[in-house]
């Protein structure tokens, strides 16, 4: 069901990921914020200029992980979208801890409160202990070390522009999605637009 949506509807799948659980062993968190990236017409997307060794997983099957290293110190988790051969992905930006908070805290010792543990894509990857070995893992296979479990659809989705893009590089596209009921757990609350 989620895999079919990922294959056919990038933005619908991004909204549907909200409320799903990200699971690794005892660690579990509810996804509250995502961003969509599309190789066609989106200069903010890693695959905008075509396939490279780094972005090759984005051209893989829907539901696999695209995990990359950025800014010299952060891993980022994305869920691949679109049919194999066409590139798109959904960045998992933030989540609310459900279980394993002690482990999250041990991996993110500078967090002052639990709301800081997973409130950004680099923080989330660090708290879950993710690195490049998770790249191309099937996130929709329940036996994978890292998996996404379908949750209830959220009541309301807030939309806004994506974070951290340079001017003219897709910074104006409203492709950031946040669960309105969980906005305080997002990386940057106070989204102004709502669908």
N, C-alpha and C. Protein backbone atom coordinates (compact mmCIF):
# COMPACT_ATOMS: atom_id res chain seq x y z
N UNK A 1 0.83 -1.20 0.00
CA UNK A 1 0.00 0.00 0.00
C UNK A 1 0.87 1.26 0.00
N UNK A 2 1.77 1.42 0.96
CA UNK A 2 2.66 2.58 0.99
C UNK A 2 3.64 2.53 -0.18
N UNK A 3 4.11 1.33 -0.53
CA UNK A 3 5.03 1.21 -1.66
C UNK A 3 4.35 1.66 -2.95
N UNK A 4 3.09 1.28 -3.14
CA UNK A 4 2.36 1.71 -4.34
C UNK A 4 2.23 3.22 -4.38
N UNK A 5 1.95 3.83 -3.25
CA UNK A 5 1.82 5.29 -3.18
C UNK A 5 3.17 5.95 -3.47
N UNK A 6 4.24 5.41 -2.93
CA UNK A 6 5.57 5.94 -3.20
C UNK A 6 5.89 5.87 -4.70
N UNK A 7 5.44 4.83 -5.35
CA UNK A 7 5.74 4.64 -6.77
C UNK A 7 4.97 5.63 -7.65
N UNK A 8 3.80 6.05 -7.21
CA UNK A 8 2.93 6.84 -8.09
C UNK A 8 2.73 8.29 -7.69
N UNK A 9 2.91 8.62 -6.41
CA UNK A 9 2.53 9.96 -5.94
C UNK A 9 3.51 10.43 -4.85
N UNK A 10 4.54 11.15 -5.26
CA UNK A 10 5.57 11.62 -4.33
C UNK A 10 4.97 12.41 -3.17
N UNK A 11 4.13 13.38 -3.48
CA UNK A 11 3.60 14.26 -2.43
C UNK A 11 2.54 13.57 -1.57
N UNK A 12 1.74 12.72 -2.19
CA UNK A 12 0.79 11.92 -1.41
C UNK A 12 1.52 10.98 -0.47
N UNK A 13 2.62 10.40 -0.95
CA UNK A 13 3.41 9.50 -0.10
C UNK A 13 4.09 10.27 1.02
N UNK A 14 4.57 11.48 0.73
CA UNK A 14 5.19 12.29 1.78
C UNK A 14 4.20 12.56 2.89
N UNK A 15 2.98 12.94 2.53
CA UNK A 15 1.94 13.18 3.54
C UNK A 15 1.61 11.90 4.30
N UNK A 16 1.60 10.77 3.59
CA UNK A 16 1.23 9.50 4.22
C UNK A 16 2.31 8.99 5.17
N UNK A 17 3.56 9.36 4.93
CA UNK A 17 4.62 8.96 5.86
C UNK A 17 4.44 9.58 7.24
N UNK A 18 3.78 10.74 7.28
CA UNK A 18 3.49 11.35 8.58
C UNK A 18 2.57 10.42 9.37
N UNK A 19 2.92 10.16 10.60
CA UNK A 19 2.14 9.24 11.43
C UNK A 19 2.64 7.81 11.37
N UNK A 20 3.55 7.51 10.44
CA UNK A 20 4.16 6.17 10.39
C UNK A 20 5.28 6.10 11.43
N UNK A 21 5.63 4.89 11.81
CA UNK A 21 6.71 4.69 12.79
C UNK A 21 7.99 4.26 12.10
N UNK A 22 9.09 4.87 12.51
CA UNK A 22 10.42 4.45 12.11
C UNK A 22 10.94 3.54 13.22
N UNK A 23 11.39 2.34 12.85
CA UNK A 23 11.71 1.32 13.85
C UNK A 23 13.08 0.71 13.57
N UNK A 24 13.88 0.65 14.62
CA UNK A 24 15.15 -0.10 14.57
C UNK A 24 15.31 -0.81 15.91
N UNK A 25 15.03 -2.10 15.93
CA UNK A 25 15.09 -2.87 17.17
C UNK A 25 14.14 -2.28 18.20
N UNK A 26 14.68 -1.91 19.37
CA UNK A 26 13.85 -1.34 20.44
C UNK A 26 13.53 0.14 20.20
N UNK A 27 14.18 0.73 19.22
CA UNK A 27 13.98 2.16 18.95
C UNK A 27 12.77 2.36 18.05
N UNK A 28 11.91 3.27 18.46
CA UNK A 28 10.70 3.55 17.68
C UNK A 28 10.36 5.02 17.82
N UNK A 29 10.01 5.64 16.70
CA UNK A 29 9.62 7.04 16.71
C UNK A 29 8.57 7.30 15.64
N UNK A 30 7.65 8.17 15.94
CA UNK A 30 6.58 8.55 15.00
C UNK A 30 7.07 9.69 14.11
N UNK A 31 7.00 9.50 12.80
CA UNK A 31 7.45 10.52 11.84
C UNK A 31 6.48 11.70 11.88
N UNK A 32 7.02 12.92 12.08
CA UNK A 32 6.18 14.12 12.20
C UNK A 32 6.49 15.17 11.14
N UNK A 33 7.63 15.02 10.42
CA UNK A 33 8.02 16.04 9.44
C UNK A 33 8.85 15.39 8.33
N UNK A 34 8.52 15.73 7.08
CA UNK A 34 9.23 15.22 5.92
C UNK A 34 9.35 16.33 4.87
N UNK A 35 10.23 16.11 3.90
CA UNK A 35 10.35 17.00 2.73
C UNK A 35 10.43 16.14 1.48
N UNK A 36 9.76 16.57 0.42
CA UNK A 36 9.76 15.85 -0.86
C UNK A 36 10.79 16.45 -1.81
N UNK A 37 11.44 15.59 -2.59
CA UNK A 37 12.43 16.00 -3.60
C UNK A 37 12.17 15.21 -4.88
N UNK A 38 12.14 15.92 -6.01
CA UNK A 38 11.80 15.34 -7.30
C UNK A 38 12.88 15.72 -8.32
N UNK A 39 13.46 14.74 -9.01
CA UNK A 39 14.53 15.02 -9.97
C UNK A 39 14.05 15.90 -11.13
N UNK A 40 12.76 15.87 -11.42
CA UNK A 40 12.23 16.66 -12.53
C UNK A 40 11.74 18.01 -12.01
N UNK A 41 12.39 19.07 -12.47
CA UNK A 41 11.95 20.42 -12.14
C UNK A 41 12.26 20.90 -10.74
N UNK A 42 13.12 20.19 -10.02
CA UNK A 42 13.43 20.55 -8.64
C UNK A 42 14.94 20.66 -8.45
N UNK A 43 15.50 21.87 -8.56
CA UNK A 43 16.95 22.01 -8.43
C UNK A 43 17.48 21.70 -7.03
N UNK A 44 16.61 21.54 -6.05
CA UNK A 44 17.04 21.14 -4.71
C UNK A 44 17.28 19.65 -4.58
N UNK A 45 16.88 18.89 -5.60
CA UNK A 45 17.00 17.43 -5.56
C UNK A 45 18.40 17.01 -5.99
N UNK A 46 18.98 16.04 -5.30
CA UNK A 46 20.31 15.53 -5.64
C UNK A 46 20.39 14.98 -7.06
N UNK A 47 19.28 14.50 -7.59
CA UNK A 47 19.28 13.88 -8.92
C UNK A 47 18.82 14.85 -10.02
N UNK A 48 18.72 16.11 -9.72
CA UNK A 48 18.24 17.10 -10.69
C UNK A 48 19.08 17.11 -11.96
N UNK A 49 20.39 16.94 -11.83
CA UNK A 49 21.29 16.98 -12.99
C UNK A 49 21.63 15.58 -13.52
N UNK A 50 20.94 14.57 -13.03
CA UNK A 50 21.17 13.22 -13.52
C UNK A 50 21.78 12.30 -12.49
N UNK A 51 22.03 11.10 -12.92
CA UNK A 51 22.52 10.04 -12.05
C UNK A 51 24.01 10.16 -11.79
N UNK A 52 24.41 9.96 -10.54
CA UNK A 52 25.82 9.93 -10.14
C UNK A 52 26.00 8.74 -9.20
N UNK A 53 27.23 8.37 -8.89
CA UNK A 53 27.42 7.29 -7.92
C UNK A 53 26.75 7.60 -6.57
N UNK A 54 26.80 8.87 -6.14
CA UNK A 54 26.22 9.23 -4.84
C UNK A 54 24.70 9.10 -4.84
N UNK A 55 24.04 9.61 -5.88
CA UNK A 55 22.58 9.64 -5.86
C UNK A 55 21.94 8.41 -6.51
N UNK A 56 22.73 7.45 -6.96
CA UNK A 56 22.19 6.27 -7.65
C UNK A 56 21.06 5.57 -6.89
N UNK A 57 21.10 5.49 -5.55
CA UNK A 57 19.99 4.85 -4.85
C UNK A 57 18.64 5.54 -5.07
N UNK A 58 18.66 6.84 -5.41
CA UNK A 58 17.40 7.55 -5.66
C UNK A 58 16.67 7.00 -6.88
N UNK A 59 17.39 6.31 -7.76
CA UNK A 59 16.80 5.74 -8.96
C UNK A 59 16.36 4.30 -8.73
N UNK A 60 16.48 3.83 -7.51
CA UNK A 60 16.14 2.46 -7.18
C UNK A 60 14.66 2.27 -6.93
N UNK A 61 14.28 1.13 -6.41
CA UNK A 61 12.87 0.83 -6.19
C UNK A 61 12.27 1.68 -5.08
N UNK A 62 10.98 1.98 -5.18
CA UNK A 62 10.32 2.77 -4.13
C UNK A 62 10.34 2.03 -2.81
N UNK A 63 10.60 2.81 -1.75
CA UNK A 63 10.62 2.22 -0.41
C UNK A 63 12.00 1.91 0.10
N UNK A 64 13.02 1.99 -0.77
CA UNK A 64 14.37 1.75 -0.25
C UNK A 64 14.93 3.03 0.35
N UNK A 65 15.95 2.88 1.17
CA UNK A 65 16.58 4.01 1.84
C UNK A 65 17.63 4.65 0.93
N UNK A 66 17.66 5.96 0.95
CA UNK A 66 18.76 6.73 0.37
C UNK A 66 19.38 7.48 1.54
N UNK A 67 20.54 7.01 1.99
CA UNK A 67 21.21 7.59 3.16
C UNK A 67 22.51 8.22 2.66
N UNK A 68 22.67 9.49 2.91
CA UNK A 68 23.87 10.18 2.44
C UNK A 68 24.45 11.04 3.55
N UNK A 69 25.73 11.38 3.37
CA UNK A 69 26.49 12.17 4.33
C UNK A 69 26.53 13.61 3.83
N UNK A 70 26.28 14.57 4.70
CA UNK A 70 26.25 15.96 4.28
C UNK A 70 26.94 16.85 5.31
N UNK A 71 27.35 18.00 4.87
CA UNK A 71 27.99 19.01 5.72
C UNK A 71 29.18 18.45 6.51
N UNK A 72 29.73 17.35 6.04
CA UNK A 72 30.91 16.79 6.68
C UNK A 72 30.68 16.09 8.00
N UNK A 73 29.42 16.08 8.50
CA UNK A 73 29.22 15.41 9.79
C UNK A 73 27.81 14.88 10.05
N UNK A 74 26.91 14.92 9.07
CA UNK A 74 25.54 14.44 9.31
C UNK A 74 25.13 13.41 8.27
N UNK A 75 24.53 12.33 8.73
CA UNK A 75 23.86 11.38 7.84
C UNK A 75 22.41 11.81 7.71
N UNK A 76 21.80 11.56 6.57
CA UNK A 76 20.41 11.94 6.31
C UNK A 76 19.67 10.73 5.74
N UNK A 77 18.48 10.48 6.25
CA UNK A 77 17.65 9.35 5.82
C UNK A 77 16.55 9.83 4.90
N UNK A 78 16.48 9.22 3.72
CA UNK A 78 15.42 9.49 2.74
C UNK A 78 14.74 8.19 2.36
N UNK A 79 13.48 8.29 1.97
CA UNK A 79 12.72 7.16 1.44
C UNK A 79 12.59 7.39 -0.06
N UNK A 80 13.06 6.43 -0.86
CA UNK A 80 13.03 6.57 -2.32
C UNK A 80 11.59 6.47 -2.81
N UNK A 81 11.28 7.32 -3.80
CA UNK A 81 9.95 7.32 -4.41
C UNK A 81 10.09 7.16 -5.93
N UNK A 82 8.96 6.93 -6.57
CA UNK A 82 8.84 6.77 -8.03
C UNK A 82 9.28 5.37 -8.46
N UNK A 83 8.88 4.99 -9.68
CA UNK A 83 9.30 3.69 -10.20
C UNK A 83 10.81 3.63 -10.38
N UNK A 84 11.35 2.44 -10.36
CA UNK A 84 12.79 2.27 -10.55
C UNK A 84 13.21 2.92 -11.86
N UNK A 85 14.29 3.69 -11.82
CA UNK A 85 14.77 4.40 -12.99
C UNK A 85 14.40 5.87 -13.00
N UNK A 86 13.41 6.24 -12.20
CA UNK A 86 13.00 7.64 -12.07
C UNK A 86 13.34 8.07 -10.65
N UNK A 87 13.91 9.27 -10.48
CA UNK A 87 14.44 9.65 -9.17
C UNK A 87 13.54 10.61 -8.40
N UNK A 88 13.32 10.27 -7.16
CA UNK A 88 12.62 11.10 -6.20
C UNK A 88 12.86 10.52 -4.82
N UNK A 89 12.71 11.35 -3.80
CA UNK A 89 12.92 10.86 -2.44
C UNK A 89 12.22 11.77 -1.45
N UNK A 90 11.99 11.23 -0.28
CA UNK A 90 11.36 11.97 0.81
C UNK A 90 12.31 11.94 2.00
N UNK A 91 12.79 13.12 2.38
CA UNK A 91 13.70 13.25 3.52
C UNK A 91 12.88 13.17 4.81
N UNK A 92 13.29 12.30 5.72
CA UNK A 92 12.65 12.22 7.04
C UNK A 92 13.34 13.27 7.92
N UNK A 93 12.62 14.35 8.22
CA UNK A 93 13.21 15.49 8.93
C UNK A 93 13.11 15.40 10.44
N UNK A 94 12.01 14.85 10.96
CA UNK A 94 11.84 14.83 12.42
C UNK A 94 10.85 13.76 12.82
N UNK A 95 10.98 13.34 14.08
CA UNK A 95 10.10 12.31 14.63
C UNK A 95 9.95 12.51 16.13
N UNK A 96 8.88 11.94 16.68
CA UNK A 96 8.63 11.99 18.13
C UNK A 96 9.00 10.63 18.71
N UNK A 97 9.89 10.57 19.70
CA UNK A 97 10.29 9.28 20.29
C UNK A 97 9.09 8.56 20.91
N UNK A 98 9.02 7.26 20.66
CA UNK A 98 7.98 6.42 21.28
C UNK A 98 8.60 5.41 22.23
N UNK A 99 9.74 4.84 21.86
CA UNK A 99 10.46 3.92 22.76
C UNK A 99 11.95 4.00 22.45
N UNK A 100 12.75 3.68 23.45
CA UNK A 100 14.19 3.74 23.30
C UNK A 100 14.79 5.10 23.59
N UNK A 101 14.06 5.94 24.33
CA UNK A 101 14.54 7.30 24.60
C UNK A 101 15.91 7.30 25.28
N UNK A 102 16.19 6.30 26.11
CA UNK A 102 17.48 6.26 26.79
C UNK A 102 18.62 6.12 25.77
N UNK A 103 18.41 5.30 24.76
CA UNK A 103 19.42 5.14 23.71
C UNK A 103 19.54 6.42 22.91
N UNK A 104 18.40 7.01 22.55
CA UNK A 104 18.43 8.28 21.82
C UNK A 104 19.22 9.33 22.62
N UNK A 105 18.96 9.41 23.92
CA UNK A 105 19.66 10.39 24.76
C UNK A 105 21.16 10.10 24.82
N UNK A 106 21.54 8.83 24.87
CA UNK A 106 22.97 8.49 24.95
C UNK A 106 23.68 8.86 23.65
N UNK A 107 22.99 8.80 22.53
CA UNK A 107 23.60 9.16 21.24
C UNK A 107 23.50 10.65 20.95
N UNK A 108 22.66 11.35 21.69
CA UNK A 108 22.48 12.80 21.50
C UNK A 108 22.60 13.50 22.86
N UNK A 109 23.77 13.38 23.52
CA UNK A 109 23.92 13.86 24.89
C UNK A 109 23.76 15.37 25.06
N UNK A 110 23.89 16.13 24.01
CA UNK A 110 23.75 17.59 24.13
C UNK A 110 22.29 18.05 24.08
N UNK A 111 21.37 17.13 23.82
CA UNK A 111 19.95 17.50 23.78
C UNK A 111 19.48 17.90 25.17
N UNK A 112 18.88 19.05 25.28
CA UNK A 112 18.41 19.55 26.57
C UNK A 112 17.09 18.94 26.99
N UNK A 113 16.28 18.59 26.00
CA UNK A 113 14.98 17.97 26.29
C UNK A 113 14.67 16.96 25.19
N UNK A 114 13.70 16.09 25.45
CA UNK A 114 13.38 15.04 24.49
C UNK A 114 12.94 15.60 23.14
N UNK A 115 12.37 16.79 23.12
CA UNK A 115 11.95 17.39 21.83
C UNK A 115 13.12 17.68 20.92
N UNK A 116 14.33 17.76 21.48
CA UNK A 116 15.52 18.01 20.68
C UNK A 116 16.16 16.73 20.13
N UNK A 117 15.74 15.57 20.59
CA UNK A 117 16.41 14.33 20.23
C UNK A 117 16.34 14.03 18.74
N UNK A 118 15.18 14.22 18.12
CA UNK A 118 14.95 13.81 16.73
C UNK A 118 14.42 14.97 15.90
N UNK A 119 14.71 16.20 16.31
CA UNK A 119 14.12 17.38 15.66
C UNK A 119 15.00 17.95 14.55
N UNK A 120 15.35 17.12 13.63
CA UNK A 120 16.15 17.49 12.47
C UNK A 120 16.70 16.22 11.85
N UNK A 121 16.95 16.23 10.55
CA UNK A 121 17.37 14.98 9.89
C UNK A 121 18.71 14.44 10.36
N UNK A 122 19.67 15.32 10.67
CA UNK A 122 20.95 14.86 11.19
C UNK A 122 20.82 14.31 12.60
N UNK A 123 20.01 14.99 13.42
CA UNK A 123 19.76 14.52 14.79
C UNK A 123 19.08 13.15 14.78
N UNK A 124 18.08 13.00 13.90
CA UNK A 124 17.34 11.74 13.81
C UNK A 124 18.28 10.60 13.42
N UNK A 125 19.11 10.82 12.41
CA UNK A 125 20.03 9.76 11.98
C UNK A 125 21.02 9.42 13.10
N UNK A 126 21.53 10.43 13.80
CA UNK A 126 22.47 10.16 14.90
C UNK A 126 21.80 9.37 16.01
N UNK A 127 20.58 9.77 16.39
CA UNK A 127 19.88 9.10 17.48
C UNK A 127 19.56 7.64 17.15
N UNK A 128 19.26 7.37 15.86
CA UNK A 128 18.98 6.00 15.44
C UNK A 128 20.26 5.23 15.11
N UNK A 129 21.42 5.89 15.15
CA UNK A 129 22.68 5.23 14.83
C UNK A 129 22.81 4.87 13.36
N UNK A 130 22.31 5.73 12.48
CA UNK A 130 22.33 5.44 11.05
C UNK A 130 23.61 5.95 10.41
N UNK A 131 24.04 5.22 9.38
CA UNK A 131 25.20 5.62 8.59
C UNK A 131 25.02 5.03 7.19
N UNK A 132 26.05 5.05 6.40
CA UNK A 132 25.95 4.61 5.02
C UNK A 132 25.63 3.14 4.85
N UNK A 133 25.79 2.33 5.88
CA UNK A 133 25.45 0.91 5.76
C UNK A 133 23.95 0.68 5.59
N UNK A 134 23.15 1.70 5.90
CA UNK A 134 21.70 1.58 5.75
C UNK A 134 21.23 1.99 4.35
N UNK A 135 22.14 2.52 3.54
CA UNK A 135 21.81 2.94 2.20
C UNK A 135 21.28 1.75 1.39
N UNK A 136 20.19 1.95 0.69
CA UNK A 136 19.52 0.96 -0.16
C UNK A 136 18.81 -0.15 0.61
N UNK A 137 18.67 -0.01 1.92
CA UNK A 137 17.90 -0.99 2.69
C UNK A 137 16.42 -0.84 2.35
N UNK A 138 15.71 -1.93 2.27
CA UNK A 138 14.26 -1.89 2.00
C UNK A 138 13.55 -1.50 3.29
N UNK A 139 13.11 -0.26 3.38
CA UNK A 139 12.47 0.25 4.60
C UNK A 139 11.06 -0.30 4.81
N UNK A 140 10.48 -0.87 3.77
CA UNK A 140 9.11 -1.39 3.88
C UNK A 140 9.07 -2.89 4.12
N UNK A 141 10.24 -3.50 4.28
CA UNK A 141 10.32 -4.90 4.65
C UNK A 141 10.37 -4.96 6.17
N UNK A 142 9.37 -5.55 6.82
CA UNK A 142 9.34 -5.55 8.29
C UNK A 142 10.52 -6.28 8.94
N UNK A 143 11.26 -7.09 8.18
CA UNK A 143 12.41 -7.78 8.75
C UNK A 143 13.71 -6.99 8.58
N UNK A 144 13.66 -5.84 7.90
CA UNK A 144 14.86 -5.01 7.75
C UNK A 144 15.30 -4.46 9.10
N UNK A 145 16.58 -4.22 9.23
CA UNK A 145 17.11 -3.66 10.49
C UNK A 145 16.49 -2.30 10.79
N UNK A 146 16.20 -1.54 9.75
CA UNK A 146 15.51 -0.25 9.87
C UNK A 146 14.27 -0.34 9.01
N UNK A 147 13.11 -0.08 9.59
CA UNK A 147 11.86 -0.25 8.85
C UNK A 147 10.88 0.87 9.17
N UNK A 148 9.98 1.09 8.24
CA UNK A 148 8.87 2.02 8.44
C UNK A 148 7.59 1.19 8.55
N UNK A 149 6.86 1.40 9.63
CA UNK A 149 5.58 0.71 9.84
C UNK A 149 4.45 1.71 9.64
N UNK A 150 3.47 1.29 8.87
CA UNK A 150 2.33 2.15 8.55
C UNK A 150 1.57 2.52 9.81
N UNK A 151 1.27 3.80 9.95
CA UNK A 151 0.47 4.28 11.07
C UNK A 151 -0.86 4.84 10.56
N UNK A 152 -1.64 5.37 11.47
CA UNK A 152 -2.90 5.99 11.09
C UNK A 152 -2.62 7.29 10.34
N UNK A 153 -3.40 7.58 9.29
CA UNK A 153 -3.22 8.87 8.60
C UNK A 153 -3.42 10.02 9.60
N UNK A 154 -2.64 11.07 9.44
CA UNK A 154 -2.75 12.20 10.36
C UNK A 154 -4.00 13.02 10.03
N UNK A 155 -4.45 13.76 11.02
CA UNK A 155 -5.68 14.55 10.90
C UNK A 155 -5.52 15.76 10.00
N UNK A 156 -4.40 16.46 10.14
CA UNK A 156 -4.15 17.67 9.36
C UNK A 156 -2.67 17.77 9.03
N UNK A 157 -2.36 18.14 7.79
CA UNK A 157 -0.98 18.30 7.34
C UNK A 157 -0.70 19.77 7.08
N UNK A 158 0.35 20.28 7.70
CA UNK A 158 0.80 21.64 7.44
C UNK A 158 1.87 21.58 6.35
N UNK A 159 1.91 22.59 5.49
CA UNK A 159 2.91 22.63 4.44
C UNK A 159 3.70 23.93 4.53
N UNK A 160 4.92 23.88 4.06
CA UNK A 160 5.77 25.06 4.01
C UNK A 160 6.94 24.81 3.09
N UNK A 161 7.81 25.77 2.95
CA UNK A 161 8.98 25.61 2.09
C UNK A 161 10.01 24.74 2.79
N UNK A 162 10.84 24.10 1.99
CA UNK A 162 11.88 23.23 2.54
C UNK A 162 12.98 24.07 3.20
N UNK A 163 13.73 23.42 4.04
CA UNK A 163 14.73 24.10 4.88
C UNK A 163 16.14 23.88 4.34
N UNK A 164 16.95 24.93 4.37
CA UNK A 164 18.37 24.79 4.09
C UNK A 164 18.76 24.82 2.63
N UNK A 165 17.85 25.17 1.73
CA UNK A 165 18.20 25.24 0.31
C UNK A 165 18.64 26.65 -0.06
N UNK A 166 19.57 26.74 -0.97
CA UNK A 166 20.06 28.04 -1.43
C UNK A 166 18.98 28.74 -2.26
N UNK A 167 18.99 30.06 -2.29
CA UNK A 167 18.03 30.79 -3.12
C UNK A 167 18.10 30.34 -4.59
N UNK A 168 16.94 30.11 -5.16
CA UNK A 168 16.86 29.67 -6.54
C UNK A 168 17.06 28.18 -6.74
N UNK A 169 17.24 27.44 -5.67
CA UNK A 169 17.47 25.99 -5.74
C UNK A 169 16.28 25.21 -5.19
N UNK A 170 15.08 25.72 -5.44
CA UNK A 170 13.88 25.04 -4.96
C UNK A 170 13.46 25.48 -3.58
N UNK A 171 14.06 26.58 -3.08
CA UNK A 171 13.76 27.06 -1.73
C UNK A 171 12.34 27.62 -1.61
N UNK A 172 11.69 27.87 -2.74
CA UNK A 172 10.35 28.45 -2.73
C UNK A 172 9.24 27.40 -2.86
N UNK A 173 9.60 26.13 -3.08
CA UNK A 173 8.60 25.08 -3.26
C UNK A 173 8.03 24.66 -1.90
N UNK A 174 6.71 24.64 -1.76
CA UNK A 174 6.10 24.27 -0.47
C UNK A 174 6.00 22.76 -0.29
N UNK A 175 7.14 22.10 -0.26
CA UNK A 175 7.20 20.65 -0.24
C UNK A 175 7.68 20.10 1.09
N UNK A 176 7.49 20.86 2.14
CA UNK A 176 7.77 20.40 3.50
C UNK A 176 6.42 20.12 4.15
N UNK A 177 6.29 18.95 4.78
CA UNK A 177 5.02 18.51 5.35
C UNK A 177 5.20 18.16 6.83
N UNK A 178 4.28 18.66 7.65
CA UNK A 178 4.36 18.46 9.10
C UNK A 178 2.99 18.03 9.62
N UNK A 179 2.98 17.07 10.51
CA UNK A 179 1.76 16.66 11.21
C UNK A 179 1.35 17.81 12.14
N UNK A 180 0.19 18.41 11.88
CA UNK A 180 -0.25 19.58 12.64
C UNK A 180 -0.36 19.28 14.13
N UNK A 181 -0.76 18.06 14.50
CA UNK A 181 -0.91 17.71 15.91
C UNK A 181 0.43 17.48 16.61
N UNK A 182 1.49 17.34 15.83
CA UNK A 182 2.82 17.05 16.39
C UNK A 182 3.82 18.15 16.02
N UNK A 183 3.33 19.34 15.68
CA UNK A 183 4.20 20.40 15.18
C UNK A 183 5.31 20.77 16.16
N UNK A 184 5.06 20.65 17.45
CA UNK A 184 6.09 21.02 18.43
C UNK A 184 7.30 20.09 18.37
N UNK A 185 7.17 18.91 17.75
CA UNK A 185 8.29 17.97 17.61
C UNK A 185 9.05 18.18 16.30
N UNK A 186 8.57 19.06 15.44
CA UNK A 186 9.21 19.30 14.14
C UNK A 186 10.54 20.02 14.32
N UNK A 187 11.36 19.99 13.28
CA UNK A 187 12.67 20.64 13.36
C UNK A 187 12.53 22.15 13.46
N UNK A 188 11.53 22.69 12.78
CA UNK A 188 11.25 24.12 12.87
C UNK A 188 9.74 24.29 12.91
N UNK A 189 9.18 24.43 14.09
CA UNK A 189 7.74 24.66 14.18
C UNK A 189 7.34 25.99 13.54
N UNK A 190 6.09 26.32 13.65
CA UNK A 190 5.53 27.57 13.14
C UNK A 190 5.48 27.61 11.61
N UNK A 191 4.93 26.58 11.02
CA UNK A 191 4.64 26.59 9.59
C UNK A 191 3.41 27.48 9.38
N UNK A 192 3.42 28.26 8.34
CA UNK A 192 2.33 29.22 8.16
C UNK A 192 1.22 28.76 7.23
N UNK A 193 1.50 27.84 6.34
CA UNK A 193 0.48 27.39 5.39
C UNK A 193 -0.09 26.05 5.78
N UNK A 194 -1.34 25.84 5.49
CA UNK A 194 -2.00 24.55 5.75
C UNK A 194 -2.78 24.14 4.53
N UNK A 195 -2.79 22.82 4.19
CA UNK A 195 -3.63 22.36 3.06
C UNK A 195 -5.06 22.27 3.55
